[in-house]
């Protein structure tokens, strides 16, 4: 979904860890939780819009959502993966 050259330039805005695209199965699982009203972002706000994909930190603690083909690299918008 994201060009390899661009992905190599992106990093987590908090920890500066490399990011990688997530598996479509995880996106599907997160979208099911969004529909059920169970998913909150790092700021504690409910995530209400489905995501098209995501970029996950190297430590796999947070996912940055992709919406409208644009990665949302804001710390408060990150989705905890614990």
Protein backbone atom coordinates (compact mmCIF):
# COMPACT_ATOMS: atom_id res chain seq x y z
CA UNK A 1 0.00 0.00 0.00
CA UNK A 2 2.81 2.44 0.86
CA UNK A 3 5.79 2.70 -1.46
CA UNK A 4 8.92 1.08 -0.02
CA UNK A 5 10.95 4.29 -0.46
CA UNK A 6 8.42 6.27 1.57
CA UNK A 7 8.13 3.58 4.23
CA UNK A 8 11.92 3.66 4.69
CA UNK A 9 11.70 7.39 5.48
CA UNK A 10 8.87 7.14 8.01
CA UNK A 11 9.38 6.48 11.70
CA UNK A 12 7.41 6.64 14.92
CA UNK A 13 7.06 10.31 15.93
CA UNK A 14 7.57 9.40 19.59
CA UNK A 15 10.29 6.76 19.72
CA UNK A 16 11.72 7.13 16.19
CA UNK A 17 11.48 3.36 15.73
CA UNK A 18 11.05 2.09 12.17
CA UNK A 19 7.49 1.43 11.01
CA UNK A 20 6.15 -1.44 8.94
CA UNK A 21 2.80 -2.17 7.37
CA UNK A 22 0.48 -4.45 9.32
CA UNK A 23 -1.14 -7.63 8.17
CA UNK A 24 -4.63 -7.19 6.66
CA UNK A 25 -5.99 -9.64 9.25
CA UNK A 26 -5.04 -7.23 12.05
CA UNK A 27 -6.72 -4.35 10.19
CA UNK A 28 -9.86 -6.45 9.87
CA UNK A 29 -9.78 -7.30 13.58
CA UNK A 30 -9.31 -3.65 14.56
CA UNK A 31 -12.14 -2.56 12.26
CA UNK A 32 -14.44 -5.09 13.93
CA UNK A 33 -13.54 -3.57 17.31
CA UNK A 34 -14.18 -0.07 15.90
CA UNK A 35 -17.66 -1.09 14.72
CA UNK A 36 -18.37 -2.62 18.14
CA UNK A 37 -17.27 0.63 19.83
CA UNK A 38 -14.48 -1.13 21.73
CA UNK A 39 -11.38 0.60 20.37
CA UNK A 40 -9.75 3.70 21.86
CA UNK A 41 -6.71 5.59 20.68
CA UNK A 42 -3.75 6.54 22.80
CA UNK A 43 -5.47 9.75 23.93
CA UNK A 44 -8.33 7.62 25.27
CA UNK A 45 -10.85 8.76 22.66
CA UNK A 46 -13.05 6.22 20.88
CA UNK A 47 -11.92 5.35 17.37
CA UNK A 48 -15.06 5.77 15.24
CA UNK A 49 -13.76 5.65 11.66
CA UNK A 50 -12.58 2.39 10.11
CA UNK A 51 -8.96 2.23 9.05
CA UNK A 52 -7.65 1.19 5.63
CA UNK A 53 -4.36 -0.06 6.98
CA UNK A 54 -1.76 0.73 9.54
CA UNK A 55 1.88 1.20 10.33
CA UNK A 56 3.18 -0.54 13.42
CA UNK A 57 6.22 0.38 15.49
CA UNK A 58 9.11 -2.04 15.64
CA UNK A 59 8.21 -2.94 19.26
CA UNK A 60 4.63 -3.68 18.10
CA UNK A 61 3.09 -1.58 20.91
CA UNK A 62 1.30 1.00 18.75
CA UNK A 63 -0.28 1.17 15.33
CA UNK A 64 -0.60 4.41 13.38
CA UNK A 65 -3.77 4.23 11.26
CA UNK A 66 -3.89 4.82 7.53
CA UNK A 67 -6.95 6.74 6.36
CA UNK A 68 -7.55 7.87 2.81
CA UNK A 69 -4.14 6.38 1.87
CA UNK A 70 -2.46 8.81 4.31
CA UNK A 71 -0.65 7.57 7.44
CA UNK A 72 -1.80 9.48 10.54
CA UNK A 73 1.48 9.84 12.43
CA UNK A 74 0.16 11.67 15.47
CA UNK A 75 1.06 10.23 18.87
CA UNK A 76 -2.45 10.68 20.31
CA UNK A 77 -4.02 8.96 17.29
CA UNK A 78 -1.90 5.82 17.71
CA UNK A 79 -3.85 2.67 18.57
CA UNK A 80 -2.42 0.58 21.43
CA UNK A 81 -1.91 -3.09 20.44
CA UNK A 82 -1.72 -4.60 23.93
